[in-house]
Amino acid sequence: MKKNKFDGVLEAVRVDQNDQLLLAKIYEKRGVVWSDHFLVNREDFIQRIKNGNVFVVGTRQYKLGSSFETSDSVQLSLNNEQAYIRLDQENSPSDNLKNLPRF
């Protein structure tokens, strides 16, 4: 069985009119099990990444509680003391969450 190299899964987002993250729907690894989904605000999500947690974009597979279909890695971009959440390697002053489902 392949070992997961990530601490959390970002499933969907709620954004404002400027496409900046307001709320994130995530799952977190807790020991050997995964949490149910829950919502975190922008500041909490950024703090989790700053604390060293690795997040990927994905969805939980139906009836397989600890299996996820994952894709992109979530990156944190710092620009002028502001943190931006991105799914690419660019360092521009905005969030890049274009391919994520909205809720």
N, C-alpha and C. Protein backbone atom coordinates (compact mmCIF):
# COMPACT_ATOMS: atom_id res chain seq x y z
N MET A 1 0.84 -1.18 0.00
CA MET A 1 0.00 0.00 0.00
C MET A 1 0.88 1.24 0.00
N LYS A 2 0.60 2.18 -0.89
CA LYS A 2 1.39 3.39 -1.01
C LYS A 2 1.11 4.33 0.16
N LYS A 3 2.19 4.85 0.74
CA LYS A 3 2.05 5.77 1.86
C LYS A 3 1.69 7.17 1.35
N ASN A 4 0.71 7.81 2.00
CA ASN A 4 0.31 9.16 1.63
C ASN A 4 1.40 10.14 2.01
N LYS A 5 1.70 11.06 1.13
CA LYS A 5 2.73 12.06 1.39
C LYS A 5 2.11 13.43 1.68
N PHE A 6 0.87 13.44 2.15
CA PHE A 6 0.20 14.70 2.43
C PHE A 6 -0.58 14.58 3.73
N ASP A 7 -0.85 15.74 4.33
CA ASP A 7 -1.53 15.81 5.63
C ASP A 7 -2.99 16.18 5.52
N GLY A 8 -3.39 16.72 4.37
CA GLY A 8 -4.76 17.15 4.20
C GLY A 8 -5.17 17.22 2.75
N VAL A 9 -6.48 17.22 2.55
CA VAL A 9 -7.04 17.28 1.20
C VAL A 9 -8.00 18.46 1.14
N LEU A 10 -7.79 19.32 0.16
CA LEU A 10 -8.67 20.46 -0.10
C LEU A 10 -9.67 20.02 -1.16
N GLU A 11 -10.96 20.00 -0.79
CA GLU A 11 -11.98 19.48 -1.70
C GLU A 11 -12.74 20.58 -2.44
N ALA A 12 -13.08 21.66 -1.77
CA ALA A 12 -13.86 22.73 -2.40
C ALA A 12 -13.60 24.03 -1.67
N VAL A 13 -13.92 25.14 -2.32
CA VAL A 13 -13.66 26.45 -1.73
C VAL A 13 -14.85 27.37 -1.91
N ARG A 14 -14.93 28.37 -1.08
CA ARG A 14 -15.84 29.50 -1.25
C ARG A 14 -14.94 30.72 -1.40
N VAL A 15 -15.17 31.49 -2.46
CA VAL A 15 -14.31 32.64 -2.76
C VAL A 15 -15.13 33.92 -2.77
N ASP A 16 -14.42 35.05 -2.64
CA ASP A 16 -15.09 36.34 -2.73
C ASP A 16 -15.10 36.82 -4.19
N GLN A 17 -15.52 38.05 -4.43
CA GLN A 17 -15.63 38.58 -5.78
C GLN A 17 -14.27 38.72 -6.47
N ASN A 18 -13.19 38.73 -5.71
CA ASN A 18 -11.84 38.83 -6.28
C ASN A 18 -11.17 37.46 -6.41
N ASP A 19 -11.94 36.39 -6.27
CA ASP A 19 -11.44 35.01 -6.32
C ASP A 19 -10.42 34.71 -5.22
N GLN A 20 -10.56 35.34 -4.07
CA GLN A 20 -9.72 35.03 -2.92
C GLN A 20 -10.48 34.09 -2.00
N LEU A 21 -9.78 33.13 -1.45
CA LEU A 21 -10.37 32.12 -0.58
C LEU A 21 -11.03 32.75 0.64
N LEU A 22 -12.27 32.39 0.91
CA LEU A 22 -12.95 32.76 2.14
C LEU A 22 -13.04 31.56 3.08
N LEU A 23 -13.54 30.43 2.55
CA LEU A 23 -13.68 29.19 3.31
C LEU A 23 -13.13 28.03 2.48
N ALA A 24 -12.55 27.06 3.17
CA ALA A 24 -12.05 25.87 2.51
C ALA A 24 -12.70 24.64 3.13
N LYS A 25 -13.13 23.71 2.30
CA LYS A 25 -13.68 22.43 2.77
C LYS A 25 -12.54 21.42 2.68
N ILE A 26 -12.08 20.95 3.85
CA ILE A 26 -10.89 20.09 3.88
C ILE A 26 -11.13 18.82 4.67
N TYR A 27 -10.25 17.86 4.45
CA TYR A 27 -10.11 16.66 5.27
C TYR A 27 -8.71 16.70 5.84
N GLU A 28 -8.53 16.22 7.07
CA GLU A 28 -7.20 16.17 7.67
C GLU A 28 -6.88 14.77 8.15
N LYS A 29 -5.62 14.43 8.02
CA LYS A 29 -5.16 13.15 8.53
C LYS A 29 -4.95 13.28 10.03
N ARG A 30 -5.50 12.34 10.77
CA ARG A 30 -5.37 12.34 12.23
C ARG A 30 -4.84 10.98 12.64
N GLY A 31 -3.53 10.87 12.70
CA GLY A 31 -2.92 9.58 12.99
C GLY A 31 -3.03 8.69 11.77
N VAL A 32 -3.70 7.56 11.92
CA VAL A 32 -3.86 6.64 10.79
C VAL A 32 -5.22 6.77 10.12
N VAL A 33 -6.07 7.64 10.63
CA VAL A 33 -7.41 7.82 10.06
C VAL A 33 -7.57 9.24 9.53
N TRP A 34 -8.63 9.45 8.75
CA TRP A 34 -8.93 10.76 8.19
C TRP A 34 -10.19 11.31 8.83
N SER A 35 -10.23 12.62 9.00
CA SER A 35 -11.40 13.29 9.55
C SER A 35 -12.53 13.31 8.53
N ASP A 36 -13.73 13.63 9.00
CA ASP A 36 -14.80 14.01 8.09
C ASP A 36 -14.45 15.39 7.54
N HIS A 37 -15.14 15.83 6.52
CA HIS A 37 -14.84 17.16 5.99
C HIS A 37 -15.29 18.21 7.00
N PHE A 38 -14.58 19.32 7.00
CA PHE A 38 -14.97 20.46 7.82
C PHE A 38 -14.48 21.73 7.14
N LEU A 39 -15.00 22.86 7.60
CA LEU A 39 -14.68 24.14 6.99
C LEU A 39 -13.70 24.91 7.84
N VAL A 40 -12.74 25.55 7.17
CA VAL A 40 -11.80 26.45 7.85
C VAL A 40 -11.77 27.76 7.07
N ASN A 41 -11.52 28.85 7.78
CA ASN A 41 -11.44 30.14 7.11
C ASN A 41 -10.04 30.33 6.52
N ARG A 42 -9.85 31.40 5.81
CA ARG A 42 -8.60 31.68 5.11
C ARG A 42 -7.40 31.69 6.05
N GLU A 43 -7.52 32.40 7.15
CA GLU A 43 -6.40 32.53 8.08
C GLU A 43 -5.99 31.18 8.67
N ASP A 44 -6.98 30.36 9.05
CA ASP A 44 -6.68 29.04 9.60
C ASP A 44 -6.02 28.14 8.56
N PHE A 45 -6.50 28.20 7.32
CA PHE A 45 -5.92 27.36 6.27
C PHE A 45 -4.47 27.76 5.99
N ILE A 46 -4.22 29.07 5.90
CA ILE A 46 -2.86 29.55 5.68
C ILE A 46 -1.96 29.16 6.84
N GLN A 47 -2.45 29.25 8.06
CA GLN A 47 -1.64 28.88 9.23
C GLN A 47 -1.29 27.39 9.21
N ARG A 48 -2.21 26.55 8.78
CA ARG A 48 -1.93 25.11 8.69
C ARG A 48 -0.80 24.85 7.71
N ILE A 49 -0.79 25.56 6.57
CA ILE A 49 0.28 25.38 5.59
C ILE A 49 1.59 25.92 6.15
N LYS A 50 1.55 27.07 6.82
CA LYS A 50 2.77 27.63 7.41
C LYS A 50 3.34 26.72 8.49
N ASN A 51 2.48 25.96 9.17
CA ASN A 51 2.93 25.03 10.20
C ASN A 51 3.55 23.77 9.62
N GLY A 52 3.58 23.66 8.30
CA GLY A 52 4.24 22.53 7.66
C GLY A 52 3.32 21.45 7.13
N ASN A 53 2.01 21.62 7.25
CA ASN A 53 1.08 20.63 6.69
C ASN A 53 1.07 20.73 5.17
N VAL A 54 1.05 19.59 4.53
CA VAL A 54 1.02 19.52 3.07
C VAL A 54 -0.41 19.19 2.64
N PHE A 55 -0.98 20.04 1.78
CA PHE A 55 -2.33 19.83 1.28
C PHE A 55 -2.29 19.57 -0.21
N VAL A 56 -3.19 18.71 -0.66
CA VAL A 56 -3.39 18.45 -2.09
C VAL A 56 -4.86 18.65 -2.41
N VAL A 57 -5.15 18.87 -3.67
CA VAL A 57 -6.54 18.98 -4.12
C VAL A 57 -7.05 17.57 -4.39
N GLY A 58 -8.27 17.29 -3.94
CA GLY A 58 -8.81 15.96 -4.20
C GLY A 58 -10.21 15.77 -3.66
N THR A 59 -10.72 14.56 -3.87
CA THR A 59 -12.02 14.17 -3.36
C THR A 59 -11.93 12.77 -2.75
N ARG A 60 -12.75 12.54 -1.77
CA ARG A 60 -12.80 11.22 -1.13
C ARG A 60 -13.51 10.24 -2.05
N GLN A 61 -12.96 9.04 -2.18
CA GLN A 61 -13.59 8.03 -3.02
C GLN A 61 -14.81 7.46 -2.29
N TYR A 62 -15.86 7.22 -3.05
CA TYR A 62 -17.12 6.76 -2.50
C TYR A 62 -16.95 5.43 -1.76
N LYS A 63 -17.40 5.40 -0.50
CA LYS A 63 -17.37 4.24 0.38
C LYS A 63 -15.96 3.72 0.69
N LEU A 64 -14.96 4.55 0.48
CA LEU A 64 -13.58 4.21 0.84
C LEU A 64 -13.03 5.36 1.69
N GLY A 65 -13.29 5.31 2.97
CA GLY A 65 -13.06 6.43 3.87
C GLY A 65 -11.67 7.02 3.88
N SER A 66 -10.63 6.23 3.65
CA SER A 66 -9.28 6.77 3.70
C SER A 66 -8.61 6.82 2.34
N SER A 67 -9.40 6.73 1.27
CA SER A 67 -8.85 6.79 -0.08
C SER A 67 -9.34 8.05 -0.77
N PHE A 68 -8.43 8.74 -1.42
CA PHE A 68 -8.73 9.99 -2.09
C PHE A 68 -8.20 9.96 -3.52
N GLU A 69 -8.91 10.61 -4.41
CA GLU A 69 -8.40 10.88 -5.75
C GLU A 69 -7.79 12.27 -5.68
N THR A 70 -6.49 12.36 -5.85
CA THR A 70 -5.80 13.63 -5.66
C THR A 70 -5.19 14.13 -6.96
N SER A 71 -4.92 15.43 -6.98
CA SER A 71 -4.28 16.03 -8.15
C SER A 71 -3.22 17.02 -7.69
N ASP A 72 -3.47 18.31 -7.84
CA ASP A 72 -2.47 19.34 -7.60
C ASP A 72 -2.11 19.51 -6.12
N SER A 73 -0.90 19.96 -5.90
CA SER A 73 -0.44 20.31 -4.57
C SER A 73 -0.77 21.78 -4.31
N VAL A 74 -1.14 22.11 -3.08
CA VAL A 74 -1.47 23.49 -2.72
C VAL A 74 -0.18 24.17 -2.26
N GLN A 75 0.10 25.33 -2.85
CA GLN A 75 1.30 26.10 -2.55
C GLN A 75 0.93 27.40 -1.85
N LEU A 76 1.84 27.89 -1.04
CA LEU A 76 1.67 29.19 -0.39
C LEU A 76 2.69 30.15 -0.99
N SER A 77 2.20 31.27 -1.49
CA SER A 77 3.06 32.28 -2.11
C SER A 77 3.05 33.52 -1.22
N LEU A 78 4.21 33.99 -0.83
CA LEU A 78 4.30 35.19 0.00
C LEU A 78 4.74 36.36 -0.85
N ASN A 79 4.01 37.49 -0.73
CA ASN A 79 4.31 38.67 -1.51
C ASN A 79 3.97 39.89 -0.66
N ASN A 80 4.98 40.68 -0.30
CA ASN A 80 4.78 41.87 0.53
C ASN A 80 4.04 41.54 1.83
N GLU A 81 4.50 40.52 2.52
CA GLU A 81 3.92 40.10 3.81
C GLU A 81 2.51 39.54 3.69
N GLN A 82 1.98 39.39 2.48
CA GLN A 82 0.67 38.80 2.25
C GLN A 82 0.87 37.37 1.76
N ALA A 83 0.00 36.47 2.21
CA ALA A 83 0.07 35.07 1.78
C ALA A 83 -1.05 34.80 0.77
N TYR A 84 -0.68 34.10 -0.30
CA TYR A 84 -1.63 33.75 -1.34
C TYR A 84 -1.60 32.25 -1.55
N ILE A 85 -2.76 31.68 -1.79
CA ILE A 85 -2.90 30.23 -1.97
C ILE A 85 -2.97 29.95 -3.47
N ARG A 86 -2.07 29.09 -3.94
CA ARG A 86 -1.95 28.85 -5.37
C ARG A 86 -1.84 27.37 -5.65
N LEU A 87 -2.28 26.99 -6.86
CA LEU A 87 -2.15 25.62 -7.32
C LEU A 87 -1.05 25.50 -8.37
N ASP A 88 -0.29 26.57 -8.58
CA ASP A 88 0.82 26.55 -9.51
C ASP A 88 2.07 27.08 -8.81
N GLN A 89 3.16 27.17 -9.51
CA GLN A 89 4.43 27.59 -8.91
C GLN A 89 4.70 29.08 -9.05
N GLU A 90 3.79 29.82 -9.65
CA GLU A 90 4.02 31.26 -9.84
C GLU A 90 3.98 32.01 -8.51
N ASN A 91 4.59 33.17 -8.51
CA ASN A 91 4.65 33.99 -7.31
C ASN A 91 3.93 35.32 -7.53
N SER A 92 2.71 35.26 -8.03
CA SER A 92 1.96 36.48 -8.28
C SER A 92 1.06 36.81 -7.09
N PRO A 93 0.70 38.09 -6.93
CA PRO A 93 -0.06 38.52 -5.75
C PRO A 93 -1.57 38.28 -5.86
N SER A 94 -1.95 37.01 -6.00
CA SER A 94 -3.37 36.66 -6.01
C SER A 94 -3.50 35.15 -5.78
N ASP A 95 -4.69 34.74 -5.35
CA ASP A 95 -4.95 33.32 -5.21
C ASP A 95 -5.20 32.71 -6.59
N ASN A 96 -4.81 31.47 -6.76
CA ASN A 96 -5.10 30.74 -8.00
C ASN A 96 -5.83 29.47 -7.61
N LEU A 97 -7.15 29.50 -7.65
CA LEU A 97 -7.99 28.37 -7.26
C LEU A 97 -8.99 28.06 -8.36
N LYS A 98 -8.61 28.28 -9.59
CA LYS A 98 -9.54 28.21 -10.71
C LYS A 98 -10.16 26.84 -10.95
N ASN A 99 -9.44 25.76 -10.73
CA ASN A 99 -9.95 24.44 -11.04
C ASN A 99 -10.70 23.76 -9.89
N LEU A 100 -10.81 24.44 -8.77
CA LEU A 100 -11.47 23.85 -7.61
C LEU A 100 -12.98 24.04 -7.66
N PRO A 101 -13.73 23.02 -7.21
CA PRO A 101 -15.19 23.19 -7.11
C PRO A 101 -15.54 24.25 -6.07
N ARG A 102 -16.63 24.94 -6.31
CA ARG A 102 -17.14 25.95 -5.37
C ARG A 102 -18.30 25.39 -4.59
N PHE A 103 -18.51 25.88 -3.40
CA PHE A 103 -19.68 25.49 -2.63
C PHE A 103 -20.35 26.71 -2.06
